[in-house]
Amino acid sequence: MKIIDAQVHIWASGTPGGDHRQVSSFTVDELLAEMAAAGVDGAVIHPPVSWDPDANALAEAAAAKHPDRFAVLGQVPLDQPETSRALLKGWRERPGQCGLRDPLIRPDQKTWPFDGTLDWLWPVAEEEGLPIATMAWRFLPEFGRIAERHPRLRLIIDHCGLIRHEKGAAAFADVDAVTALARFPNVALKATGAPGYSQQGYPFRDIHDGLHRLYDAFGPDRFFWGTDITRMPCSWTQCITLFTEELPWLQGSQLERVMGGAFPDWIGWHPIAQQSPEGAGN
């Protein structure tokens, strides 16, 4: 079974925000070493430009060097439409770039989904074939309206759509609003960061039922495993086995889709395995 992590970060400067590891850098080589130890085959890098303004370039360099291991969901300045429109033309021609991701959690971004700031973004991304991922918990109904107005735009709800900084049942307080979005075939959900919403230790049983509800709503082709590993309260291996060993309702081919088969399809990432030395030149 191929394991693809739907969300990781690397950075070379700055002070990480949130609950991320408080280190000045987390390099692609460090990421690869941890992936190898846990048995992770590939990952989608989300550049943390909020603390490292050069994170887009860093992610693209990693994807250029390891195209079979990394894709990128990059960032552009969403409140600068003229600049960003130009950037998004040919976005997929940049190394590894398969779409966009902006968490939309800064205080100044709170009104952006409603006040017209982002009105330019949805049609441009739809036209360019660029999926968009965001932490939509603050504007779930509006997220549905965006999906309905732009049916060819693939949208991704980050972190299960759960309420940021809440844990246990409180984190799942709006789960009905999240599952309601599954009726739109162009909306998918990243089950990233799930252990961080638990009030318990491994295997985080207090979130199992909530994960089951989300999976039942979105199904194996629109429900993607991932970690956001640099802020997880557990090991990468435990993030994996939570899904592969502790959820009896997730088995077989459905498990394979969740753990790495479906997300590359959703974002249009089709890495070509590097040739072995024996195969070179054949």
C-alpha atoms as a PDB file:
ATOM      1  CA  MET A   1       0.000   0.000   0.000  1.00  0.00           C
ATOM      2  CA  LYS A   2       1.390   3.370  -1.029  1.00  0.00           C
ATOM      3  CA  ILE A   3       1.273   5.955   1.737  1.00  0.00           C
ATOM      4  CA  ILE A   4       1.050   9.603   0.704  1.00  0.00           C
ATOM      5  CA  ASP A   5       0.830  12.255   3.400  1.00  0.00           C
ATOM      6  CA  ALA A   6      -1.635  14.944   2.306  1.00  0.00           C
ATOM      7  CA  GLN A   7      -0.001  17.718   4.351  1.00  0.00           C
ATOM      8  CA  VAL A   8       3.532  18.460   5.477  1.00  0.00           C
ATOM      9  CA  HIS A   9       5.575  21.639   5.848  1.00  0.00           C
ATOM     10  CA  ILE A  10       9.240  22.487   5.363  1.00  0.00           C
ATOM     11  CA  TRP A  11      10.882  25.827   6.103  1.00  0.00           C
ATOM     12  CA  ALA A  12      14.284  27.490   6.248  1.00  0.00           C
ATOM     13  CA  SER A  13      13.641  30.518   8.457  1.00  0.00           C
ATOM     14  CA  GLY A  14      11.196  32.220  10.777  1.00  0.00           C
ATOM     15  CA  THR A  15       9.348  31.277  13.923  1.00  0.00           C
ATOM     16  CA  PRO A  16       6.724  28.587  13.300  1.00  0.00           C
ATOM     17  CA  GLY A  17       3.173  29.456  14.233  1.00  0.00           C
ATOM     18  CA  GLY A  18       0.568  27.460  16.078  1.00  0.00           C
ATOM     19  CA  ASP A  19       1.707  24.237  17.701  1.00  0.00           C
ATOM     20  CA  HIS A  20       4.432  23.456  15.175  1.00  0.00           C
ATOM     21  CA  ARG A  21       7.889  22.422  16.287  1.00  0.00           C
ATOM     22  CA  GLN A  22       9.684  25.527  17.493  1.00  0.00           C
ATOM     23  CA  VAL A  23      12.755  25.106  15.316  1.00  0.00           C
ATOM     24  CA  SER A  24      14.246  27.655  12.941  1.00  0.00           C
ATOM     25  CA  SER A  25      14.264  25.225  10.036  1.00  0.00           C
ATOM     26  CA  PHE A  26      12.888  21.859   9.011  1.00  0.00           C
ATOM     27  CA  THR A  27      14.603  20.768   5.829  1.00  0.00           C
ATOM     28  CA  VAL A  28      13.615  18.435   3.042  1.00  0.00           C
ATOM     29  CA  ASP A  29      16.408  16.069   4.089  1.00  0.00           C
ATOM     30  CA  GLU A  30      15.028  15.940   7.627  1.00  0.00           C
ATOM     31  CA  LEU A  31      11.564  15.350   6.217  1.00  0.00           C
ATOM     32  CA  LEU A  32      12.789  12.535   3.976  1.00  0.00           C
ATOM     33  CA  ALA A  33      14.588  10.866   6.888  1.00  0.00           C
ATOM     34  CA  GLU A  34      11.417  10.889   9.003  1.00  0.00           C
ATOM     35  CA  MET A  35       9.349   9.649   6.069  1.00  0.00           C
ATOM     36  CA  ALA A  36      11.759   6.756   5.538  1.00  0.00           C
ATOM     37  CA  ALA A  37      11.617   5.790   9.201  1.00  0.00           C
ATOM     38  CA  ALA A  38       7.804   5.747   9.162  1.00  0.00           C
ATOM     39  CA  GLY A  39       7.350   4.160   5.733  1.00  0.00           C
ATOM     40  CA  VAL A  40       5.788   7.209   4.048  1.00  0.00           C
ATOM     41  CA  ASP A  41       6.229   7.095   0.269  1.00  0.00           C
ATOM     42  CA  GLY A  42       5.388  10.661  -0.647  1.00  0.00           C
ATOM     43  CA  ALA A  43       3.895  13.886   0.643  1.00  0.00           C
ATOM     44  CA  VAL A  44       2.220  17.097  -0.457  1.00  0.00           C
ATOM     45  CA  ILE A  45       4.110  20.130   0.819  1.00  0.00           C
ATOM     46  CA  HIS A  46       2.118  23.139   2.001  1.00  0.00           C
ATOM     47  CA  PRO A  47       4.560  26.085   2.090  1.00  0.00           C
ATOM     48  CA  PRO A  48       4.239  27.962   5.420  1.00  0.00           C
ATOM     49  CA  VAL A  49       4.752  31.424   3.976  1.00  0.00           C
ATOM     50  CA  SER A  50       3.239  32.970   7.113  1.00  0.00           C
ATOM     51  CA  TRP A  51       6.579  32.452   8.846  1.00  0.00           C
ATOM     52  CA  ASP A  52       8.951  31.728   5.944  1.00  0.00           C
ATOM     53  CA  PRO A  53       8.289  34.032   2.988  1.00  0.00           C
ATOM     54  CA  ASP A  54      10.533  31.873   0.779  1.00  0.00           C
ATOM     55  CA  ALA A  55       8.649  28.664   1.546  1.00  0.00           C
ATOM     56  CA  ASN A  56       7.100  28.411  -1.938  1.00  0.00           C
ATOM     57  CA  ALA A  57      10.534  28.344  -3.561  1.00  0.00           C
ATOM     58  CA  LEU A  58      11.794  25.870  -0.966  1.00  0.00           C
ATOM     59  CA  ALA A  59       8.898  23.505  -1.663  1.00  0.00           C
ATOM     60  CA  GLU A  60       9.339  23.781  -5.413  1.00  0.00           C
ATOM     61  CA  ALA A  61      13.042  22.998  -5.068  1.00  0.00           C
ATOM     62  CA  ALA A  62      12.183  19.870  -3.066  1.00  0.00           C
ATOM     63  CA  ALA A  63       9.679  18.767  -5.717  1.00  0.00           C
ATOM     64  CA  ALA A  64      12.145  19.466  -8.524  1.00  0.00           C
ATOM     65  CA  LYS A  65      14.776  17.318  -6.832  1.00  0.00           C
ATOM     66  CA  HIS A  66      12.371  14.567  -5.754  1.00  0.00           C
ATOM     67  CA  PRO A  67       9.453  14.632  -8.227  1.00  0.00           C
ATOM     68  CA  ASP A  68       8.404  11.122  -7.284  1.00  0.00           C
ATOM     69  CA  ARG A  69       8.188  12.033  -3.586  1.00  0.00           C
ATOM     70  CA  PHE A  70       6.707  15.533  -3.402  1.00  0.00           C
ATOM     71  CA  ALA A  71       3.948  17.675  -4.825  1.00  0.00           C
ATOM     72  CA  VAL A  72       3.102  21.210  -3.690  1.00  0.00           C
ATOM     73  CA  LEU A  73      -0.036  23.170  -2.897  1.00  0.00           C
ATOM     74  CA  GLY A  74       1.434  26.650  -2.942  1.00  0.00           C
ATOM     75  CA  GLN A  75       0.402  30.118  -1.884  1.00  0.00           C
ATOM     76  CA  VAL A  76      -0.118  33.427  -3.638  1.00  0.00           C
ATOM     77  CA  PRO A  77      -1.125  36.784  -2.107  1.00  0.00           C
ATOM     78  CA  LEU A  78      -4.899  36.407  -2.211  1.00  0.00           C
ATOM     79  CA  ASP A  79      -5.536  40.084  -1.508  1.00  0.00           C
ATOM     80  CA  GLN A  80      -3.473  41.096  -4.561  1.00  0.00           C
ATOM     81  CA  PRO A  81      -5.611  39.811  -7.424  1.00  0.00           C
ATOM     82  CA  GLU A  82      -3.726  41.355 -10.319  1.00  0.00           C
ATOM     83  CA  THR A  83      -0.387  39.997  -9.128  1.00  0.00           C
ATOM     84  CA  SER A  84      -1.843  36.597  -8.316  1.00  0.00           C
ATOM     85  CA  ARG A  85      -3.827  36.205 -11.536  1.00  0.00           C
ATOM     86  CA  ALA A  86      -0.557  36.488 -13.425  1.00  0.00           C
ATOM     87  CA  LEU A  87       1.125  33.978 -11.131  1.00  0.00           C
ATOM     88  CA  LEU A  88      -1.632  31.403 -11.575  1.00  0.00           C
ATOM     89  CA  LYS A  89      -1.364  31.391 -15.349  1.00  0.00           C
ATOM     90  CA  GLY A  90       0.847  28.362 -15.901  1.00  0.00           C
ATOM     91  CA  TRP A  91       0.992  27.561 -12.167  1.00  0.00           C
ATOM     92  CA  ARG A  92       1.231  23.833 -12.886  1.00  0.00           C
ATOM     93  CA  GLU A  93       4.338  24.442 -14.970  1.00  0.00           C
ATOM     94  CA  ARG A  94       6.232  25.317 -11.792  1.00  0.00           C
ATOM     95  CA  PRO A  95       8.006  22.357 -10.121  1.00  0.00           C
ATOM     96  CA  GLY A  96       5.547  20.227  -8.199  1.00  0.00           C
ATOM     97  CA  GLN A  97       2.746  22.799  -8.118  1.00  0.00           C
ATOM     98  CA  CYS A  98      -0.657  21.108  -8.251  1.00  0.00           C
ATOM     99  CA  GLY A  99      -2.911  23.746  -6.690  1.00  0.00           C
ATOM    100  CA  LEU A 100      -3.256  26.238  -3.862  1.00  0.00           C
ATOM    101  CA  ARG A 101      -3.558  26.175  -0.117  1.00  0.00           C
ATOM    102  CA  ASP A 102      -4.143  29.046   2.254  1.00  0.00           C
ATOM    103  CA  PRO A 103      -5.447  28.313   5.752  1.00  0.00           C
ATOM    104  CA  LEU A 104      -7.328  31.650   5.929  1.00  0.00           C
ATOM    105  CA  ILE A 105      -6.897  31.810   9.697  1.00  0.00           C
ATOM    106  CA  ARG A 106      -5.148  35.160  10.169  1.00  0.00           C
ATOM    107  CA  PRO A 107      -7.346  37.716  11.946  1.00  0.00           C
ATOM    108  CA  ASP A 108      -7.302  40.015   8.922  1.00  0.00           C
ATOM    109  CA  GLN A 109      -8.552  37.169   6.691  1.00  0.00           C
ATOM    110  CA  LYS A 110     -11.664  36.443   8.734  1.00  0.00           C
ATOM    111  CA  THR A 111     -13.966  38.405   6.433  1.00  0.00           C
ATOM    112  CA  TRP A 112     -12.305  37.541   3.131  1.00  0.00           C
ATOM    113  CA  PRO A 113     -14.709  34.732   2.134  1.00  0.00           C
ATOM    114  CA  PHE A 114     -17.636  37.149   2.557  1.00  0.00           C
ATOM    115  CA  ASP A 115     -16.426  40.658   1.674  1.00  0.00           C
ATOM    116  CA  GLY A 116     -15.422  40.121  -1.950  1.00  0.00           C
ATOM    117  CA  THR A 117     -11.667  39.822  -1.381  1.00  0.00           C
ATOM    118  CA  LEU A 118     -11.623  36.288  -2.788  1.00  0.00           C
ATOM    119  CA  ASP A 119     -14.218  36.703  -5.525  1.00  0.00           C
ATOM    120  CA  TRP A 120     -11.486  36.781  -8.187  1.00  0.00           C
ATOM    121  CA  LEU A 121      -9.890  33.553  -6.962  1.00  0.00           C
ATOM    122  CA  TRP A 122     -12.568  30.913  -7.508  1.00  0.00           C
ATOM    123  CA  PRO A 123     -13.177  31.461 -11.248  1.00  0.00           C
ATOM    124  CA  VAL A 124      -9.451  31.804 -11.994  1.00  0.00           C
ATOM    125  CA  ALA A 125      -8.604  28.586 -10.154  1.00  0.00           C
ATOM    126  CA  GLU A 126     -11.532  26.837 -11.837  1.00  0.00           C
ATOM    127  CA  GLU A 127     -10.344  27.953 -15.268  1.00  0.00           C
ATOM    128  CA  GLU A 128      -6.733  26.949 -14.564  1.00  0.00           C
ATOM    129  CA  GLY A 129      -7.701  23.569 -13.081  1.00  0.00           C
ATOM    130  CA  LEU A 130      -6.159  24.335  -9.685  1.00  0.00           C
ATOM    131  CA  PRO A 131      -7.618  22.674  -6.580  1.00  0.00           C
ATOM    132  CA  ILE A 132      -7.847  24.895  -3.497  1.00  0.00           C
ATOM    133  CA  ALA A 133      -7.424  23.704   0.089  1.00  0.00           C
ATOM    134  CA  THR A 134      -8.274  25.754   3.166  1.00  0.00           C
ATOM    135  CA  MET A 135      -9.327  25.488   6.792  1.00  0.00           C
ATOM    136  CA  ALA A 136     -12.983  26.213   6.125  1.00  0.00           C
ATOM    137  CA  TRP A 137     -14.423  25.759   9.596  1.00  0.00           C
ATOM    138  CA  ARG A 138     -15.215  29.477   9.937  1.00  0.00           C
ATOM    139  CA  PHE A 139     -17.225  29.648   6.693  1.00  0.00           C
ATOM    140  CA  LEU A 140     -18.639  26.197   5.976  1.00  0.00           C
ATOM    141  CA  PRO A 141     -21.988  27.370   4.490  1.00  0.00           C
ATOM    142  CA  GLU A 142     -20.191  29.863   2.239  1.00  0.00           C
ATOM    143  CA  PHE A 143     -17.799  27.080   1.203  1.00  0.00           C
ATOM    144  CA  GLY A 144     -20.819  25.184  -0.074  1.00  0.00           C
ATOM    145  CA  ARG A 145     -22.039  28.184  -2.031  1.00  0.00           C
ATOM    146  CA  ILE A 146     -18.605  28.520  -3.637  1.00  0.00           C
ATOM    147  CA  ALA A 147     -18.668  24.835  -4.576  1.00  0.00           C
ATOM    148  CA  GLU A 148     -22.121  25.216  -6.118  1.00  0.00           C
ATOM    149  CA  ARG A 149     -21.178  28.320  -8.132  1.00  0.00           C
ATOM    150  CA  HIS A 150     -17.966  26.733  -9.430  1.00  0.00           C
ATOM    151  CA  PRO A 151     -18.706  23.052 -10.101  1.00  0.00           C
ATOM    152  CA  ARG A 152     -15.437  22.440 -11.982  1.00  0.00           C
ATOM    153  CA  LEU A 153     -13.345  23.786  -9.098  1.00  0.00           C
ATOM    154  CA  ARG A 154     -12.018  21.082  -6.796  1.00  0.00           C
ATOM    155  CA  LEU A 155     -12.150  22.225  -3.175  1.00  0.00           C
ATOM    156  CA  ILE A 156     -10.508  20.608  -0.161  1.00  0.00           C
ATOM    157  CA  ILE A 157     -11.506  21.092   3.466  1.00  0.00           C
ATOM    158  CA  ASP A 158      -8.411  20.971   5.679  1.00  0.00           C
ATOM    159  CA  HIS A 159      -8.134  19.215   9.028  1.00  0.00           C
ATOM    160  CA  CYS A 160     -11.541  17.505   8.810  1.00  0.00           C
ATOM    161  CA  GLY A 161     -13.265  20.894   8.937  1.00  0.00           C
ATOM    162  CA  LEU A 162     -12.979  20.739  12.720  1.00  0.00           C
ATOM    163  CA  ILE A 163     -12.961  23.740  15.026  1.00  0.00           C
ATOM    164  CA  ARG A 164      -9.414  24.981  15.470  1.00  0.00           C
ATOM    165  CA  HIS A 165      -7.865  24.569  18.932  1.00  0.00           C
ATOM    166  CA  GLU A 166     -10.826  22.528  20.239  1.00  0.00           C
ATOM    167  CA  LYS A 167     -10.521  18.901  21.285  1.00  0.00           C
ATOM    168  CA  GLY A 168     -12.752  15.872  21.690  1.00  0.00           C
ATOM    169  CA  ALA A 169     -16.481  16.412  21.220  1.00  0.00           C
ATOM    170  CA  ALA A 170     -16.040  20.196  21.113  1.00  0.00           C
ATOM    171  CA  ALA A 171     -13.888  19.903  17.985  1.00  0.00           C
ATOM    172  CA  PHE A 172     -16.700  18.024  16.228  1.00  0.00           C
ATOM    173  CA  ALA A 173     -19.445  20.467  17.225  1.00  0.00           C
ATOM    174  CA  ASP A 174     -20.025  21.512  13.601  1.00  0.00           C
ATOM    175  CA  VAL A 175     -19.589  18.086  12.038  1.00  0.00           C
ATOM    176  CA  ASP A 176     -23.116  18.163  10.569  1.00  0.00           C
ATOM    177  CA  ALA A 177     -22.209  21.290   8.613  1.00  0.00           C
ATOM    178  CA  VAL A 178     -19.060  19.551   7.361  1.00  0.00           C
ATOM    179  CA  THR A 179     -20.807  16.368   6.262  1.00  0.00           C
ATOM    180  CA  ALA A 180     -23.483  18.455   4.508  1.00  0.00           C
ATOM    181  CA  LEU A 181     -20.799  19.639   2.087  1.00  0.00           C
ATOM    182  CA  ALA A 182     -20.265  16.073   0.849  1.00  0.00           C
ATOM    183  CA  ARG A 183     -23.313  16.531  -1.400  1.00  0.00           C
ATOM    184  CA  PHE A 184     -21.129  18.640  -3.666  1.00  0.00           C
ATOM    185  CA  PRO A 185     -19.056  16.253  -5.798  1.00  0.00           C
ATOM    186  CA  ASN A 186     -16.277  18.841  -6.125  1.00  0.00           C
ATOM    187  CA  VAL A 187     -15.652  19.024  -2.351  1.00  0.00           C
ATOM    188  CA  ALA A 188     -13.234  16.668  -0.594  1.00  0.00           C
ATOM    189  CA  LEU A 189     -11.857  16.473   2.927  1.00  0.00           C
ATOM    190  CA  LYS A 190      -8.348  16.063   4.297  1.00  0.00           C
ATOM    191  CA  ALA A 191      -8.324  14.047   7.503  1.00  0.00           C
ATOM    192  CA  THR A 192      -5.081  15.760   8.439  1.00  0.00           C
ATOM    193  CA  GLY A 193      -3.992  16.483  11.971  1.00  0.00           C
ATOM    194  CA  ALA A 194      -6.618  14.178  13.475  1.00  0.00           C
ATOM    195  CA  PRO A 195      -4.614  13.165  16.595  1.00  0.00           C
ATOM    196  CA  GLY A 196      -4.295  16.818  17.540  1.00  0.00           C
ATOM    197  CA  TYR A 197      -8.053  16.988  18.136  1.00  0.00           C
ATOM    198  CA  SER A 198      -8.069  14.160  20.673  1.00  0.00           C
ATOM    199  CA  GLN A 199      -8.137  14.581  24.435  1.00  0.00           C
ATOM    200  CA  GLN A 200      -6.685  11.101  24.871  1.00  0.00           C
ATOM    201  CA  GLY A 201      -3.477   9.271  24.120  1.00  0.00           C
ATOM    202  CA  TYR A 202      -2.983   6.813  21.299  1.00  0.00           C
ATOM    203  CA  PRO A 203      -5.144   5.334  19.747  1.00  0.00           C
ATOM    204  CA  PHE A 204      -7.213   8.503  20.282  1.00  0.00           C
ATOM    205  CA  ARG A 205     -10.519   6.683  20.700  1.00  0.00           C
ATOM    206  CA  ASP A 206     -12.517   9.843  21.369  1.00  0.00           C
ATOM    207  CA  ILE A 207     -12.205  10.894  17.719  1.00  0.00           C
ATOM    208  CA  HIS A 208     -12.949   7.528  16.091  1.00  0.00           C
ATOM    209  CA  ASP A 209     -16.715   8.040  15.810  1.00  0.00           C
ATOM    210  CA  GLY A 210     -16.268  11.526  14.382  1.00  0.00           C
ATOM    211  CA  LEU A 211     -13.818  10.258  11.777  1.00  0.00           C
ATOM    212  CA  HIS A 212     -16.276   7.516  10.886  1.00  0.00           C
ATOM    213  CA  ARG A 213     -19.054  10.050  10.271  1.00  0.00           C
ATOM    214  CA  LEU A 214     -16.807  12.095   8.026  1.00  0.00           C
ATOM    215  CA  TYR A 215     -15.628   9.048   6.105  1.00  0.00           C
ATOM    216  CA  ASP A 216     -19.192   7.813   5.610  1.00  0.00           C
ATOM    217  CA  ALA A 217     -20.135  11.199   4.171  1.00  0.00           C
ATOM    218  CA  PHE A 218     -17.214  11.682   1.776  1.00  0.00           C
ATOM    219  CA  GLY A 219     -16.180   8.108   0.982  1.00  0.00           C
ATOM    220  CA  PRO A 220     -12.713   6.761   0.130  1.00  0.00           C
ATOM    221  CA  ASP A 221     -12.214   8.891  -2.992  1.00  0.00           C
ATOM    222  CA  ARG A 222     -12.752  12.207  -1.152  1.00  0.00           C
ATOM    223  CA  PHE A 223     -11.333  11.497   2.313  1.00  0.00           C
ATOM    224  CA  PHE A 224      -7.548  11.809   2.502  1.00  0.00           C
ATOM    225  CA  TRP A 225      -5.144  10.746   5.241  1.00  0.00           C
ATOM    226  CA  GLY A 226      -2.356  13.098   6.272  1.00  0.00           C
ATOM    227  CA  THR A 227      -0.572  14.410   9.320  1.00  0.00           C
ATOM    228  CA  ASP A 228       0.723  17.987   9.452  1.00  0.00           C
ATOM    229  CA  ILE A 229       3.463  16.066  11.226  1.00  0.00           C
ATOM    230  CA  THR A 230       5.403  18.991  12.681  1.00  0.00           C
ATOM    231  CA  ARG A 231       2.580  19.755  15.092  1.00  0.00           C
ATOM    232  CA  MET A 232       1.378  16.258  15.944  1.00  0.00           C
ATOM    233  CA  PRO A 233       1.342  15.007  19.566  1.00  0.00           C
ATOM    234  CA  CYS A 234       2.472  11.549  18.447  1.00  0.00           C
ATOM    235  CA  SER A 235       4.839   9.793  16.072  1.00  0.00           C
ATOM    236  CA  TRP A 236       4.356   9.538  12.323  1.00  0.00           C
ATOM    237  CA  THR A 237       3.992   5.776  12.746  1.00  0.00           C
ATOM    238  CA  GLN A 238       1.119   6.291  15.175  1.00  0.00           C
ATOM    239  CA  CYS A 239      -0.556   8.699  12.759  1.00  0.00           C
ATOM    240  CA  ILE A 240      -0.440   5.888  10.202  1.00  0.00           C
ATOM    241  CA  THR A 241      -1.545   3.024  12.418  1.00  0.00           C
ATOM    242  CA  LEU A 242      -4.441   5.076  13.788  1.00  0.00           C
ATOM    243  CA  PHE A 243      -5.963   4.636  10.326  1.00  0.00           C
ATOM    244  CA  THR A 244      -4.488   1.287   9.242  1.00  0.00           C
ATOM    245  CA  GLU A 245      -4.999  -0.656  12.488  1.00  0.00           C
ATOM    246  CA  GLU A 246      -7.436   1.127  14.809  1.00  0.00           C
ATOM    247  CA  LEU A 247     -10.439   1.896  12.558  1.00  0.00           C
ATOM    248  CA  PRO A 248     -12.159  -1.434  11.797  1.00  0.00           C
ATOM    249  CA  TRP A 249     -14.549   0.198   9.319  1.00  0.00           C
ATOM    250  CA  LEU A 250     -11.617   1.164   7.064  1.00  0.00           C
ATOM    251  CA  GLN A 251     -10.234  -1.856   5.230  1.00  0.00           C
ATOM    252  CA  GLY A 252      -8.994  -3.200   1.921  1.00  0.00           C
ATOM    253  CA  SER A 253      -9.147  -1.108  -1.220  1.00  0.00           C
ATOM    254  CA  GLN A 254     -10.960   1.710   0.609  1.00  0.00           C
ATOM    255  CA  LEU A 255      -8.066   1.989   3.063  1.00  0.00           C
ATOM    256  CA  GLU A 256      -5.609   2.102   0.169  1.00  0.00           C
ATOM    257  CA  ARG A 257      -7.507   5.005  -1.382  1.00  0.00           C
ATOM    258  CA  VAL A 258      -7.575   6.945   1.883  1.00  0.00           C
ATOM    259  CA  MET A 259      -3.906   6.375   2.695  1.00  0.00           C
ATOM    260  CA  GLY A 260      -2.514   7.567  -0.594  1.00  0.00           C
ATOM    261  CA  GLY A 261      -4.412   6.473  -3.661  1.00  0.00           C
ATOM    262  CA  ALA A 262      -7.070   9.175  -3.800  1.00  0.00           C
ATOM    263  CA  PHE A 263      -5.324  12.458  -2.998  1.00  0.00           C
ATOM    264  CA  PRO A 264      -2.869  12.435  -5.928  1.00  0.00           C
ATOM    265  CA  ASP A 265      -5.839  11.779  -8.213  1.00  0.00           C
ATOM    266  CA  TRP A 266      -7.784  14.679  -6.702  1.00  0.00           C
ATOM    267  CA  ILE A 267      -4.998  17.220  -7.203  1.00  0.00           C
ATOM    268  CA  GLY A 268      -3.747  15.790 -10.493  1.00  0.00           C
ATOM    269  CA  TRP A 269      -0.339  14.651  -9.274  1.00  0.00           C
ATOM    270  CA  HIS A 270       0.934  11.668 -11.236  1.00  0.00           C
ATOM    271  CA  PRO A 271       4.565  11.160 -10.277  1.00  0.00           C
ATOM    272  CA  ILE A 272       6.708   9.049 -12.567  1.00  0.00           C
ATOM    273  CA  ALA A 273       8.884   6.681 -10.586  1.00  0.00           C
ATOM    274  CA  GLN A 274      12.557   7.377 -11.084  1.00  0.00           C
ATOM    275  CA  GLN A 275      14.398   4.795 -13.153  1.00  0.00           C
ATOM    276  CA  SER A 276      16.705   2.415 -11.425  1.00  0.00           C
ATOM    277  CA  PRO A 277      20.349   2.450 -12.559  1.00  0.00           C
ATOM    278  CA  GLU A 278      19.770  -0.889 -14.293  1.00  0.00           C
ATOM    279  CA  GLY A 279      16.893   0.596 -16.285  1.00  0.00           C
ATOM    280  CA  ALA A 280      18.619   3.800 -17.284  1.00  0.00           C
ATOM    281  CA  GLY A 281      19.050   4.130 -21.022  1.00  0.00           C
ATOM    282  CA  ASN A 282      16.799   1.155 -21.864  1.00  0.00           C
END
